PDB file of N, CA and C in Angstrom:
ATOM      1  N   MET A   1       0.848  -1.176   0.000  1.00  0.00           N
ATOM      2  CA  MET A   1       0.000   0.000   0.000  1.00  0.00           C
ATOM      3  C   MET A   1       0.891   1.236   0.000  1.00  0.00           C
ATOM      4  N   ARG A   2       0.548   2.181  -0.817  1.00  0.00           N
ATOM      5  CA  ARG A   2       1.296   3.430  -0.856  1.00  0.00           C
ATOM      6  C   ARG A   2       1.037   4.246   0.403  1.00  0.00           C
ATOM      7  N   ASP A   3       1.957   5.134   0.742  1.00  0.00           N
ATOM      8  CA  ASP A   3       1.862   5.909   1.975  1.00  0.00           C
ATOM      9  C   ASP A   3       0.547   6.653   2.125  1.00  0.00           C
ATOM     10  N   LYS A   4       0.060   7.291   1.079  1.00  0.00           N
ATOM     11  CA  LYS A   4      -1.133   8.115   1.201  1.00  0.00           C
ATOM     12  C   LYS A   4      -2.416   7.342   0.936  1.00  0.00           C
ATOM     13  N   GLU A   5      -2.296   6.109   0.491  1.00  0.00           N
ATOM     14  CA  GLU A   5      -3.485   5.310   0.194  1.00  0.00           C
ATOM     15  C   GLU A   5      -3.996   4.667   1.483  1.00  0.00           C
ATOM     16  N   LYS A   6      -5.256   4.837   1.743  1.00  0.00           N
ATOM     17  CA  LYS A   6      -5.892   4.245   2.926  1.00  0.00           C
ATOM     18  C   LYS A   6      -7.054   3.386   2.464  1.00  0.00           C
ATOM     19  N   ILE A   7      -7.266   2.292   3.156  1.00  0.00           N
ATOM     20  CA  ILE A   7      -8.387   1.421   2.832  1.00  0.00           C
ATOM     21  C   ILE A   7      -9.285   1.346   4.063  1.00  0.00           C
ATOM     22  N   PHE A   8     -10.558   1.678   3.889  1.00  0.00           N
ATOM     23  CA  PHE A   8     -11.535   1.625   4.958  1.00  0.00           C
ATOM     24  C   PHE A   8     -12.676   0.722   4.523  1.00  0.00           C
ATOM     25  N   TYR A   9     -13.321   0.118   5.464  1.00  0.00           N
ATOM     26  CA  TYR A   9     -14.456  -0.732   5.122  1.00  0.00           C
ATOM     27  C   TYR A   9     -15.709   0.112   4.934  1.00  0.00           C
ATOM     28  N   GLU A  10     -16.645  -0.426   4.179  1.00  0.00           N
ATOM     29  CA  GLU A  10     -17.924   0.236   3.955  1.00  0.00           C
ATOM     30  C   GLU A  10     -19.022  -0.649   4.522  1.00  0.00           C
ATOM     31  N   ARG A  11     -19.651  -0.202   5.594  1.00  0.00           N
ATOM     32  CA  ARG A  11     -20.685  -0.995   6.263  1.00  0.00           C
ATOM     33  C   ARG A  11     -21.918  -1.217   5.395  1.00  0.00           C
ATOM     34  N   SER A  12     -22.095  -0.418   4.364  1.00  0.00           N
ATOM     35  CA  SER A  12     -23.337  -0.465   3.598  1.00  0.00           C
ATOM     36  C   SER A  12     -23.350  -1.539   2.510  1.00  0.00           C
ATOM     37  N   THR A  13     -22.283  -2.299   2.338  1.00  0.00           N
ATOM     38  CA  THR A  13     -22.300  -3.339   1.307  1.00  0.00           C
ATOM     39  C   THR A  13     -23.216  -4.484   1.741  1.00  0.00           C
ATOM     40  N   ASP A  14     -23.836  -5.137   0.776  1.00  0.00           N
ATOM     41  CA  ASP A  14     -24.738  -6.254   1.076  1.00  0.00           C
ATOM     42  C   ASP A  14     -24.002  -7.383   1.797  1.00  0.00           C
ATOM     43  N   GLU A  15     -22.808  -7.692   1.342  1.00  0.00           N
ATOM     44  CA  GLU A  15     -22.034  -8.783   1.954  1.00  0.00           C
ATOM     45  C   GLU A  15     -21.745  -8.495   3.431  1.00  0.00           C
ATOM     46  N   LEU A  16     -21.288  -7.303   3.721  1.00  0.00           N
ATOM     47  CA  LEU A  16     -20.975  -6.950   5.103  1.00  0.00           C
ATOM     48  C   LEU A  16     -22.229  -6.872   5.962  1.00  0.00           C
ATOM     49  N   ARG A  17     -23.319  -6.392   5.388  1.00  0.00           N
ATOM     50  CA  ARG A  17     -24.588  -6.327   6.118  1.00  0.00           C
ATOM     51  C   ARG A  17     -25.039  -7.734   6.531  1.00  0.00           C
ATOM     52  N   MET A  18     -24.929  -8.705   5.632  1.00  0.00           N
ATOM     53  CA  MET A  18     -25.339 -10.078   5.927  1.00  0.00           C
ATOM     54  C   MET A  18     -24.445 -10.701   7.010  1.00  0.00           C
ATOM     55  N   LYS A  19     -23.166 -10.423   6.950  1.00  0.00           N
ATOM     56  CA  LYS A  19     -22.248 -10.941   7.965  1.00  0.00           C
ATOM     57  C   LYS A  19     -22.549 -10.327   9.330  1.00  0.00           C
ATOM     58  N   SER A  20     -22.872  -9.060   9.331  1.00  0.00           N
ATOM     59  CA  SER A  20     -23.223  -8.375  10.575  1.00  0.00           C
ATOM     60  C   SER A  20     -24.527  -8.912  11.157  1.00  0.00           C
ATOM     61  N   ILE A  21     -25.502  -9.164  10.301  1.00  0.00           N
ATOM     62  CA  ILE A  21     -26.779  -9.726  10.759  1.00  0.00           C
ATOM     63  C   ILE A  21     -26.560 -11.091  11.385  1.00  0.00           C
ATOM     64  N   ARG A  22     -25.706 -11.913  10.789  1.00  0.00           N
ATOM     65  CA  ARG A  22     -25.377 -13.225  11.353  1.00  0.00           C
ATOM     66  C   ARG A  22     -24.847 -13.061  12.780  1.00  0.00           C
ATOM     67  N   ALA A  23     -23.893 -12.142  12.958  1.00  0.00           N
ATOM     68  CA  ALA A  23     -23.313 -11.919  14.283  1.00  0.00           C
ATOM     69  C   ALA A  23     -24.363 -11.389  15.260  1.00  0.00           C
ATOM     70  N   GLN A  24     -25.212 -10.490  14.809  1.00  0.00           N
ATOM     71  CA  GLN A  24     -26.249  -9.944  15.684  1.00  0.00           C
ATOM     72  C   GLN A  24     -27.232 -11.016  16.130  1.00  0.00           C
ATOM     73  N   LYS A  25     -27.592 -11.916  15.204  1.00  0.00           N
ATOM     74  CA  LYS A  25     -28.510 -13.005  15.565  1.00  0.00           C
ATOM     75  C   LYS A  25     -27.875 -13.933  16.600  1.00  0.00           C
ATOM     76  N   LEU A  26     -26.605 -14.265  16.403  1.00  0.00           N
ATOM     77  CA  LEU A  26     -25.935 -15.149  17.352  1.00  0.00           C
ATOM     78  C   LEU A  26     -25.756 -14.484  18.716  1.00  0.00           C
ATOM     79  N   THR A  27     -25.423 -13.189  18.739  1.00  0.00           N
ATOM     80  CA  THR A  27     -25.296 -12.514  20.033  1.00  0.00           C
ATOM     81  C   THR A  27     -26.663 -12.381  20.701  1.00  0.00           C
ATOM     82  N   GLN A  28     -27.702 -12.224  19.917  1.00  0.00           N
ATOM     83  CA  GLN A  28     -29.058 -12.190  20.483  1.00  0.00           C
ATOM     84  C   GLN A  28     -29.407 -13.554  21.087  1.00  0.00           C
ATOM     85  N   ASP A  29     -29.084 -14.632  20.369  1.00  0.00           N
ATOM     86  CA  ASP A  29     -29.301 -15.981  20.910  1.00  0.00           C
ATOM     87  C   ASP A  29     -28.536 -16.164  22.221  1.00  0.00           C
ATOM     88  N   PHE A  30     -27.312 -15.657  22.239  1.00  0.00           N
ATOM     89  CA  PHE A  30     -26.478 -15.748  23.441  1.00  0.00           C
ATOM     90  C   PHE A  30     -27.139 -15.015  24.610  1.00  0.00           C
ATOM     91  N   LYS A  31     -27.622 -13.818  24.347  1.00  0.00           N
ATOM     92  CA  LYS A  31     -28.270 -13.009  25.384  1.00  0.00           C
ATOM     93  C   LYS A  31     -29.545 -13.667  25.904  1.00  0.00           C
ATOM     94  N   ASN A  32     -30.230 -14.397  25.031  1.00  0.00           N
ATOM     95  CA  ASN A  32     -31.491 -15.031  25.420  1.00  0.00           C
ATOM     96  C   ASN A  32     -31.325 -16.389  26.093  1.00  0.00           C
ATOM     97  N   CYS A  33     -30.109 -16.885  26.178  1.00  0.00           N
ATOM     98  CA  CYS A  33     -29.865 -18.165  26.867  1.00  0.00           C
ATOM     99  C   CYS A  33     -30.137 -18.006  28.362  1.00  0.00           C
ATOM    100  N   PRO A  34     -30.704 -19.022  28.979  1.00  0.00           N
ATOM    101  CA  PRO A  34     -30.829 -18.976  30.441  1.00  0.00           C
ATOM    102  C   PRO A  34     -29.442 -18.821  31.090  1.00  0.00           C
ATOM    103  N   ILE A  35     -29.380 -18.061  32.138  1.00  0.00           N
ATOM    104  CA  ILE A  35     -28.110 -17.754  32.796  1.00  0.00           C
ATOM    105  C   ILE A  35     -27.329 -19.013  33.150  1.00  0.00           C
ATOM    106  N   GLU A  36     -28.044 -20.045  33.595  1.00  0.00           N
ATOM    107  CA  GLU A  36     -27.376 -21.266  34.058  1.00  0.00           C
ATOM    108  C   GLU A  36     -27.010 -22.230  32.922  1.00  0.00           C
ATOM    109  N   ASP A  37     -27.406 -21.937  31.677  1.00  0.00           N
ATOM    110  CA  ASP A  37     -27.158 -22.844  30.561  1.00  0.00           C
ATOM    111  C   ASP A  37     -25.803 -22.560  29.908  1.00  0.00           C
ATOM    112  N   SER A  38     -24.745 -22.883  30.596  1.00  0.00           N
ATOM    113  CA  SER A  38     -23.398 -22.588  30.104  1.00  0.00           C
ATOM    114  C   SER A  38     -23.048 -23.397  28.851  1.00  0.00           C
ATOM    115  N   ASN A  39     -23.625 -24.588  28.686  1.00  0.00           N
ATOM    116  CA  ASN A  39     -23.334 -25.398  27.498  1.00  0.00           C
ATOM    117  C   ASN A  39     -23.851 -24.727  26.225  1.00  0.00           C
ATOM    118  N   SER A  40     -25.085 -24.235  26.260  1.00  0.00           N
ATOM    119  CA  SER A  40     -25.646 -23.549  25.088  1.00  0.00           C
ATOM    120  C   SER A  40     -24.897 -22.256  24.803  1.00  0.00           C
ATOM    121  N   LYS A  41     -24.557 -21.534  25.847  1.00  0.00           N
ATOM    122  CA  LYS A  41     -23.819 -20.284  25.672  1.00  0.00           C
ATOM    123  C   LYS A  41     -22.462 -20.542  25.016  1.00  0.00           C
ATOM    124  N   GLU A  42     -21.773 -21.583  25.480  1.00  0.00           N
ATOM    125  CA  GLU A  42     -20.465 -21.908  24.904  1.00  0.00           C
ATOM    126  C   GLU A  42     -20.605 -22.346  23.446  1.00  0.00           C
ATOM    127  N   ALA A  43     -21.641 -23.104  23.131  1.00  0.00           N
ATOM    128  CA  ALA A  43     -21.865 -23.542  21.744  1.00  0.00           C
ATOM    129  C   ALA A  43     -22.090 -22.345  20.819  1.00  0.00           C
ATOM    130  N   ILE A  44     -22.834 -21.355  21.287  1.00  0.00           N
ATOM    131  CA  ILE A  44     -23.083 -20.154  20.475  1.00  0.00           C
ATOM    132  C   ILE A  44     -21.788 -19.388  20.263  1.00  0.00           C
ATOM    133  N   ILE A  45     -20.992 -19.238  21.307  1.00  0.00           N
ATOM    134  CA  ILE A  45     -19.712 -18.526  21.182  1.00  0.00           C
ATOM    135  C   ILE A  45     -18.800 -19.248  20.194  1.00  0.00           C
ATOM    136  N   LYS A  46     -18.793 -20.569  20.237  1.00  0.00           N
ATOM    137  CA  LYS A  46     -17.958 -21.335  19.304  1.00  0.00           C
ATOM    138  C   LYS A  46     -18.436 -21.167  17.856  1.00  0.00           C
ATOM    139  N   GLU A  47     -19.722 -20.984  17.668  1.00  0.00           N
ATOM    140  CA  GLU A  47     -20.253 -20.736  16.325  1.00  0.00           C
ATOM    141  C   GLU A  47     -19.964 -19.300  15.884  1.00  0.00           C
ATOM    142  N   LEU A  48     -20.042 -18.358  16.797  1.00  0.00           N
ATOM    143  CA  LEU A  48     -19.846 -16.945  16.497  1.00  0.00           C
ATOM    144  C   LEU A  48     -18.385 -16.594  16.250  1.00  0.00           C
ATOM    145  N   PHE A  49     -17.496 -17.043  17.120  1.00  0.00           N
ATOM    146  CA  PHE A  49     -16.082 -16.669  17.053  1.00  0.00           C
ATOM    147  C   PHE A  49     -15.347 -17.494  15.995  1.00  0.00           C
ATOM    148  N   GLY A  50     -14.222 -16.977  15.546  1.00  0.00           N
ATOM    149  CA  GLY A  50     -13.377 -17.699  14.605  1.00  0.00           C
ATOM    150  C   GLY A  50     -12.733 -18.912  15.244  1.00  0.00           C
ATOM    151  N   SER A  51     -12.273 -18.764  16.481  1.00  0.00           N
ATOM    152  CA  SER A  51     -11.732 -19.895  17.245  1.00  0.00           C
ATOM    153  C   SER A  51     -11.859 -19.578  18.733  1.00  0.00           C
ATOM    154  N   VAL A  52     -12.064 -20.650  19.508  1.00  0.00           N
ATOM    155  CA  VAL A  52     -12.308 -20.511  20.939  1.00  0.00           C
ATOM    156  C   VAL A  52     -11.563 -21.627  21.665  1.00  0.00           C
ATOM    157  N   GLY A  53     -10.834 -21.263  22.706  1.00  0.00           N
ATOM    158  CA  GLY A  53     -10.151 -22.254  23.520  1.00  0.00           C
ATOM    159  C   GLY A  53     -11.104 -22.912  24.508  1.00  0.00           C
ATOM    160  N   PHE A  54     -10.535 -23.573  25.483  1.00  0.00           N
ATOM    161  CA  PHE A  54     -11.285 -24.288  26.507  1.00  0.00           C
ATOM    162  C   PHE A  54     -11.894 -23.315  27.513  1.00  0.00           C
ATOM    163  N   SER A  55     -13.136 -23.529  27.856  1.00  0.00           N
ATOM    164  CA  SER A  55     -13.826 -22.856  28.954  1.00  0.00           C
ATOM    165  C   SER A  55     -13.914 -21.328  28.835  1.00  0.00           C
ATOM    166  N   PRO A  56     -14.529 -20.822  27.753  1.00  0.00           N
ATOM    167  CA  PRO A  56     -14.724 -19.376  27.659  1.00  0.00           C
ATOM    168  C   PRO A  56     -15.864 -18.921  28.567  1.00  0.00           C
ATOM    169  N   SER A  57     -15.798 -17.688  29.038  1.00  0.00           N
ATOM    170  CA  SER A  57     -16.855 -17.136  29.877  1.00  0.00           C
ATOM    171  C   SER A  57     -17.088 -15.684  29.479  1.00  0.00           C
ATOM    172  N   ILE A  58     -18.307 -15.403  29.053  1.00  0.00           N
ATOM    173  CA  ILE A  58     -18.656 -14.058  28.601  1.00  0.00           C
ATOM    174  C   ILE A  58     -19.907 -13.618  29.335  1.00  0.00           C
ATOM    175  N   GLU A  59     -19.812 -12.493  30.008  1.00  0.00           N
ATOM    176  CA  GLU A  59     -20.945 -11.964  30.766  1.00  0.00           C
ATOM    177  C   GLU A  59     -21.950 -11.288  29.840  1.00  0.00           C
ATOM    178  N   HIS A  60     -23.062 -10.896  30.406  1.00  0.00           N
ATOM    179  CA  HIS A  60     -24.197 -10.311  29.685  1.00  0.00           C
ATOM    180  C   HIS A  60     -23.823  -9.024  28.947  1.00  0.00           C
ATOM    181  N   ASN A  61     -24.526  -8.803  27.848  1.00  0.00           N
ATOM    182  CA  ASN A  61     -24.443  -7.591  27.035  1.00  0.00           C
ATOM    183  C   ASN A  61     -23.146  -7.508  26.236  1.00  0.00           C
ATOM    184  N   PHE A  62     -22.811  -8.596  25.572  1.00  0.00           N
ATOM    185  CA  PHE A  62     -21.641  -8.659  24.701  1.00  0.00           C
ATOM    186  C   PHE A  62     -22.048  -8.248  23.288  1.00  0.00           C
ATOM    187  N   HIS A  63     -21.195  -7.485  22.613  1.00  0.00           N
ATOM    188  CA  HIS A  63     -21.446  -7.048  21.235  1.00  0.00           C
ATOM    189  C   HIS A  63     -20.190  -7.226  20.393  1.00  0.00           C
ATOM    190  N   CYS A  64     -20.380  -7.554  19.111  1.00  0.00           N
ATOM    191  CA  CYS A  64     -19.271  -7.592  18.160  1.00  0.00           C
ATOM    192  C   CYS A  64     -19.807  -7.279  16.769  1.00  0.00           C
ATOM    193  N   ASP A  65     -18.896  -6.973  15.834  1.00  0.00           N
ATOM    194  CA  ASP A  65     -19.302  -6.678  14.458  1.00  0.00           C
ATOM    195  C   ASP A  65     -19.590  -7.949  13.667  1.00  0.00           C
ATOM    196  N   LEU A  66     -18.606  -8.829  13.596  1.00  0.00           N
ATOM    197  CA  LEU A  66     -18.700 -10.001  12.737  1.00  0.00           C
ATOM    198  C   LEU A  66     -18.556 -11.324  13.492  1.00  0.00           C
ATOM    199  N   GLY A  67     -17.756 -11.329  14.516  1.00  0.00           N
ATOM    200  CA  GLY A  67     -17.564 -12.530  15.315  1.00  0.00           C
ATOM    201  C   GLY A  67     -16.476 -13.444  14.799  1.00  0.00           C
ATOM    202  N   TYR A  68     -16.503 -13.752  13.522  1.00  0.00           N
ATOM    203  CA  TYR A  68     -15.548 -14.727  13.001  1.00  0.00           C
ATOM    204  C   TYR A  68     -14.104 -14.222  12.989  1.00  0.00           C
ATOM    205  N   ASN A  69     -13.901 -12.940  13.180  1.00  0.00           N
ATOM    206  CA  ASN A  69     -12.550 -12.387  13.300  1.00  0.00           C
ATOM    207  C   ASN A  69     -12.029 -12.428  14.739  1.00  0.00           C
ATOM    208  N   LEU A  70     -12.818 -12.962  15.660  1.00  0.00           N
ATOM    209  CA  LEU A  70     -12.416 -13.060  17.071  1.00  0.00           C
ATOM    210  C   LEU A  70     -11.820 -14.432  17.339  1.00  0.00           C
ATOM    211  N   HIS A  71     -10.666 -14.446  17.975  1.00  0.00           N
ATOM    212  CA  HIS A  71      -9.973 -15.684  18.320  1.00  0.00           C
ATOM    213  C   HIS A  71      -9.523 -15.550  19.772  1.00  0.00           C
ATOM    214  N   VAL A  72     -10.025 -16.436  20.625  1.00  0.00           N
ATOM    215  CA  VAL A  72      -9.677 -16.359  22.049  1.00  0.00           C
ATOM    216  C   VAL A  72      -9.113 -17.690  22.514  1.00  0.00           C
ATOM    217  N   GLY A  73      -8.206 -17.619  23.481  1.00  0.00           N
ATOM    218  CA  GLY A  73      -7.553 -18.809  24.010  1.00  0.00           C
ATOM    219  C   GLY A  73      -8.336 -19.453  25.143  1.00  0.00           C
ATOM    220  N   ASP A  74      -7.671 -20.367  25.823  1.00  0.00           N
ATOM    221  CA  ASP A  74      -8.267 -21.077  26.953  1.00  0.00           C
ATOM    222  C   ASP A  74      -8.571 -20.123  28.098  1.00  0.00           C
ATOM    223  N   HIS A  75      -9.689 -20.367  28.759  1.00  0.00           N
ATOM    224  CA  HIS A  75     -10.098 -19.625  29.963  1.00  0.00           C
ATOM    225  C   HIS A  75     -10.238 -18.124  29.709  1.00  0.00           C
ATOM    226  N   PHE A  76     -10.733 -17.780  28.531  1.00  0.00           N
ATOM    227  CA  PHE A  76     -11.024 -16.380  28.212  1.00  0.00           C
ATOM    228  C   PHE A  76     -12.230 -15.936  29.031  1.00  0.00           C
ATOM    229  N   TYR A  77     -12.157 -14.735  29.593  1.00  0.00           N
ATOM    230  CA  TYR A  77     -13.272 -14.167  30.358  1.00  0.00           C
ATOM    231  C   TYR A  77     -13.422 -12.704  29.972  1.00  0.00           C
ATOM    232  N   THR A  78     -14.667 -12.295  29.784  1.00  0.00           N
ATOM    233  CA  THR A  78     -14.935 -10.865  29.643  1.00  0.00           C
ATOM    234  C   THR A  78     -16.135 -10.498  30.504  1.00  0.00           C
ATOM    235  N   GLY A  79     -16.017  -9.350  31.159  1.00  0.00           N
ATOM    236  CA  GLY A  79     -17.066  -8.861  32.043  1.00  0.00           C
ATOM    237  C   GLY A  79     -18.241  -8.277  31.273  1.00  0.00           C
ATOM    238  N   PHE A  80     -19.159  -7.700  32.007  1.00  0.00           N
ATOM    239  CA  PHE A  80     -20.386  -7.131  31.445  1.00  0.00           C
ATOM    240  C   PHE A  80     -20.087  -5.995  30.475  1.00  0.00           C
ATOM    241  N   ASN A  81     -20.963  -5.868  29.471  1.00  0.00           N
ATOM    242  CA  ASN A  81     -20.941  -4.729  28.538  1.00  0.00           C
ATOM    243  C   ASN A  81     -19.668  -4.632  27.703  1.00  0.00           C
ATOM    244  N   CYS A  82     -19.189  -5.748  27.218  1.00  0.00           N
ATOM    245  CA  CYS A  82     -17.993  -5.754  26.374  1.00  0.00           C
ATOM    246  C   CYS A  82     -18.393  -5.568  24.916  1.00  0.00           C
ATOM    247  N   THR A  83     -17.655  -4.698  24.226  1.00  0.00           N
ATOM    248  CA  THR A  83     -17.845  -4.497  22.796  1.00  0.00           C
ATOM    249  C   THR A  83     -16.513  -4.731  22.105  1.00  0.00           C
ATOM    250  N   ILE A  84     -16.524  -5.614  21.107  1.00  0.00           N
ATOM    251  CA  ILE A  84     -15.326  -5.848  20.306  1.00  0.00           C
ATOM    252  C   ILE A  84     -15.703  -5.634  18.846  1.00  0.00           C
ATOM    253  N   LEU A  85     -15.154  -4.576  18.258  1.00  0.00           N
ATOM    254  CA  LEU A  85     -15.391  -4.302  16.847  1.00  0.00           C
ATOM    255  C   LEU A  85     -14.307  -5.034  16.063  1.00  0.00           C
ATOM    256  N   ASP A  86     -14.716  -6.106  15.413  1.00  0.00           N
ATOM    257  CA  ASP A  86     -13.765  -7.027  14.793  1.00  0.00           C
ATOM    258  C   ASP A  86     -13.825  -7.007  13.267  1.00  0.00           C
ATOM    259  N   MET A  87     -13.766  -5.819  12.684  1.00  0.00           N
ATOM    260  CA  MET A  87     -13.657  -5.745  11.233  1.00  0.00           C
ATOM    261  C   MET A  87     -12.288  -6.261  10.789  1.00  0.00           C
ATOM    262  N   ALA A  88     -11.334  -6.216  11.685  1.00  0.00           N
ATOM    263  CA  ALA A  88     -10.026  -6.838  11.487  1.00  0.00           C
ATOM    264  C   ALA A  88      -9.894  -7.916  12.560  1.00  0.00           C
ATOM    265  N   GLU A  89      -8.914  -8.765  12.403  1.00  0.00           N
ATOM    266  CA  GLU A  89      -8.722  -9.879  13.330  1.00  0.00           C
ATOM    267  C   GLU A  89      -8.344  -9.391  14.733  1.00  0.00           C
ATOM    268  N   VAL A  90      -8.958 -10.014  15.732  1.00  0.00           N
ATOM    269  CA  VAL A  90      -8.647  -9.735  17.137  1.00  0.00           C
ATOM    270  C   VAL A  90      -8.263 -11.064  17.772  1.00  0.00           C
ATOM    271  N   ARG A  91      -7.080 -11.130  18.372  1.00  0.00           N
ATOM    272  CA  ARG A  91      -6.604 -12.353  19.028  1.00  0.00           C
ATOM    273  C   ARG A  91      -6.323 -12.062  20.499  1.00  0.00           C
ATOM    274  N   VAL A  92      -6.909 -12.901  21.355  1.00  0.00           N
ATOM    275  CA  VAL A  92      -6.717 -12.787  22.800  1.00  0.00           C
ATOM    276  C   VAL A  92      -6.184 -14.135  23.272  1.00  0.00           C
ATOM    277  N   GLY A  93      -5.102 -14.135  24.018  1.00  0.00           N
ATOM    278  CA  GLY A  93      -4.441 -15.374  24.425  1.00  0.00           C
ATOM    279  C   GLY A  93      -5.117 -16.108  25.570  1.00  0.00           C
ATOM    280  N   ASP A  94      -4.425 -17.123  26.061  1.00  0.00           N
ATOM    281  CA  ASP A  94      -4.920 -17.937  27.171  1.00  0.00           C
ATOM    282  C   ASP A  94      -4.953 -17.138  28.474  1.00  0.00           C
ATOM    283  N   ASN A  95      -5.915 -17.490  29.317  1.00  0.00           N
ATOM    284  CA  ASN A  95      -6.013 -16.940  30.679  1.00  0.00           C
ATOM    285  C   ASN A  95      -6.123 -15.423  30.722  1.00  0.00           C
ATOM    286  N   CYS A  96      -6.759 -14.849  29.719  1.00  0.00           N
ATOM    287  CA  CYS A  96      -6.951 -13.393  29.689  1.00  0.00           C
ATOM    288  C   CYS A  96      -8.323 -13.043  30.236  1.00  0.00           C
ATOM    289  N   MET A  97      -8.342 -12.001  31.044  1.00  0.00           N
ATOM    290  CA  MET A  97      -9.580 -11.515  31.639  1.00  0.00           C
ATOM    291  C   MET A  97      -9.762 -10.053  31.240  1.00  0.00           C
ATOM    292  N   ILE A  98     -10.933  -9.744  30.719  1.00  0.00           N
ATOM    293  CA  ILE A  98     -11.270  -8.382  30.316  1.00  0.00           C
ATOM    294  C   ILE A  98     -12.333  -7.880  31.278  1.00  0.00           C
ATOM    295  N   GLY A  99     -12.120  -6.711  31.845  1.00  0.00           N
ATOM    296  CA  GLY A  99     -13.035  -6.155  32.832  1.00  0.00           C
ATOM    297  C   GLY A  99     -14.342  -5.672  32.224  1.00  0.00           C
ATOM    298  N   PRO A 100     -15.236  -5.156  33.059  1.00  0.00           N
ATOM    299  CA  PRO A 100     -16.526  -4.662  32.570  1.00  0.00           C
ATOM    300  C   PRO A 100     -16.372  -3.363  31.783  1.00  0.00           C
ATOM    301  N   ASN A 101     -17.305  -3.150  30.865  1.00  0.00           N
ATOM    302  CA  ASN A 101     -17.384  -1.912  30.079  1.00  0.00           C
ATOM    303  C   ASN A 101     -16.137  -1.642  29.234  1.00  0.00           C
ATOM    304  N   VAL A 102     -15.525  -2.697  28.731  1.00  0.00           N
ATOM    305  CA  VAL A 102     -14.328  -2.554  27.908  1.00  0.00           C
ATOM    306  C   VAL A 102     -14.701  -2.671  26.441  1.00  0.00           C
ATOM    307  N   GLY A 103     -14.053  -1.875  25.617  1.00  0.00           N
ATOM    308  CA  GLY A 103     -14.224  -1.958  24.178  1.00  0.00           C
ATOM    309  C   GLY A 103     -12.883  -2.161  23.505  1.00  0.00           C
ATOM    310  N   LEU A 104     -12.827  -3.103  22.573  1.00  0.00           N
ATOM    311  CA  LEU A 104     -11.654  -3.325  21.732  1.00  0.00           C
ATOM    312  C   LEU A 104     -12.090  -3.005  20.307  1.00  0.00           C
ATOM    313  N   TYR A 105     -11.382  -2.087  19.660  1.00  0.00           N
ATOM    314  CA  TYR A 105     -11.831  -1.602  18.374  1.00  0.00           C
ATOM    315  C   TYR A 105     -10.783  -1.840  17.295  1.00  0.00           C
ATOM    316  N   ALA A 106     -11.025  -2.841  16.467  1.00  0.00           N
ATOM    317  CA  ALA A 106     -10.144  -3.149  15.347  1.00  0.00           C
ATOM    318  C   ALA A 106     -10.836  -2.708  14.060  1.00  0.00           C
ATOM    319  N   ALA A 107     -11.391  -1.518  14.102  1.00  0.00           N
ATOM    320  CA  ALA A 107     -12.106  -0.960  12.957  1.00  0.00           C
ATOM    321  C   ALA A 107     -11.822   0.532  12.913  1.00  0.00           C
ATOM    322  N   GLY A 108     -11.952   1.087  11.757  1.00  0.00           N
ATOM    323  CA  GLY A 108     -11.727   2.524  11.645  1.00  0.00           C
ATOM    324  C   GLY A 108     -12.431   3.068  10.426  1.00  0.00           C
ATOM    325  N   HIS A 109     -12.520   4.367  10.386  1.00  0.00           N
ATOM    326  CA  HIS A 109     -13.077   5.041   9.227  1.00  0.00           C
ATOM    327  C   HIS A 109     -12.262   6.294   8.991  1.00  0.00           C
ATOM    328  N   SER A 110     -12.412   6.830   7.834  1.00  0.00           N
ATOM    329  CA  SER A 110     -11.670   8.033   7.489  1.00  0.00           C
ATOM    330  C   SER A 110     -12.014   9.173   8.426  1.00  0.00           C
ATOM    331  N   ILE A 111     -11.036   9.967   8.754  1.00  0.00           N
ATOM    332  CA  ILE A 111     -11.290  11.170   9.564  1.00  0.00           C
ATOM    333  C   ILE A 111     -11.479  12.399   8.679  1.00  0.00           C
ATOM    334  N   GLU A 112     -11.366  12.195   7.369  1.00  0.00           N
ATOM    335  CA  GLU A 112     -11.570  13.281   6.410  1.00  0.00           C
ATOM    336  C   GLU A 112     -13.059  13.436   6.118  1.00  0.00           C
ATOM    337  N   PRO A 113     -13.643  14.597   6.369  1.00  0.00           N
ATOM    338  CA  PRO A 113     -15.090  14.790   6.160  1.00  0.00           C
ATOM    339  C   PRO A 113     -15.544  14.431   4.743  1.00  0.00           C
ATOM    340  N   LYS A 114     -14.756  14.747   3.723  1.00  0.00           N
ATOM    341  CA  LYS A 114     -15.170  14.447   2.343  1.00  0.00           C
ATOM    342  C   LYS A 114     -15.276  12.942   2.114  1.00  0.00           C
ATOM    343  N   ASP A 115     -14.455  12.142   2.775  1.00  0.00           N
ATOM    344  CA  ASP A 115     -14.504  10.689   2.623  1.00  0.00           C
ATOM    345  C   ASP A 115     -15.657  10.071   3.413  1.00  0.00           C
ATOM    346  N   ARG A 116     -16.019  10.679   4.523  1.00  0.00           N
ATOM    347  CA  ARG A 116     -17.119  10.139   5.351  1.00  0.00           C
ATOM    348  C   ARG A 116     -18.477  10.386   4.733  1.00  0.00           C
ATOM    349  N   ASN A 117     -18.604  11.461   3.968  1.00  0.00           N
ATOM    350  CA  ASN A 117     -19.892  11.773   3.345  1.00  0.00           C
ATOM    351  C   ASN A 117     -20.128  10.868   2.176  1.00  0.00           C
TER     352      ASN A 117
END
């Protein structure tokens, strides 16, 4: 890529919209799981994420863009209200704990007004 050339994603494409809807449906399914049903919750996370290690734990109100760009290791934990914007790949290793109200943003858009319009 040349120095001045920047590549940004466009959320309005049909392909990206469908991928986002898939992730939203899976996160909605996750949110609707009974609190004590850890097996169903883990199965949904394994379907949503690109790869998942042993014994993931995700608290209520989790959000992501696509899901399949998320890769977490063994014993991954995230607290309440976590948002991970995964338009690019996000990798979290083993035994990592993310606190409440944390956002990880692997997405960006142009800061130039003419490009945003």
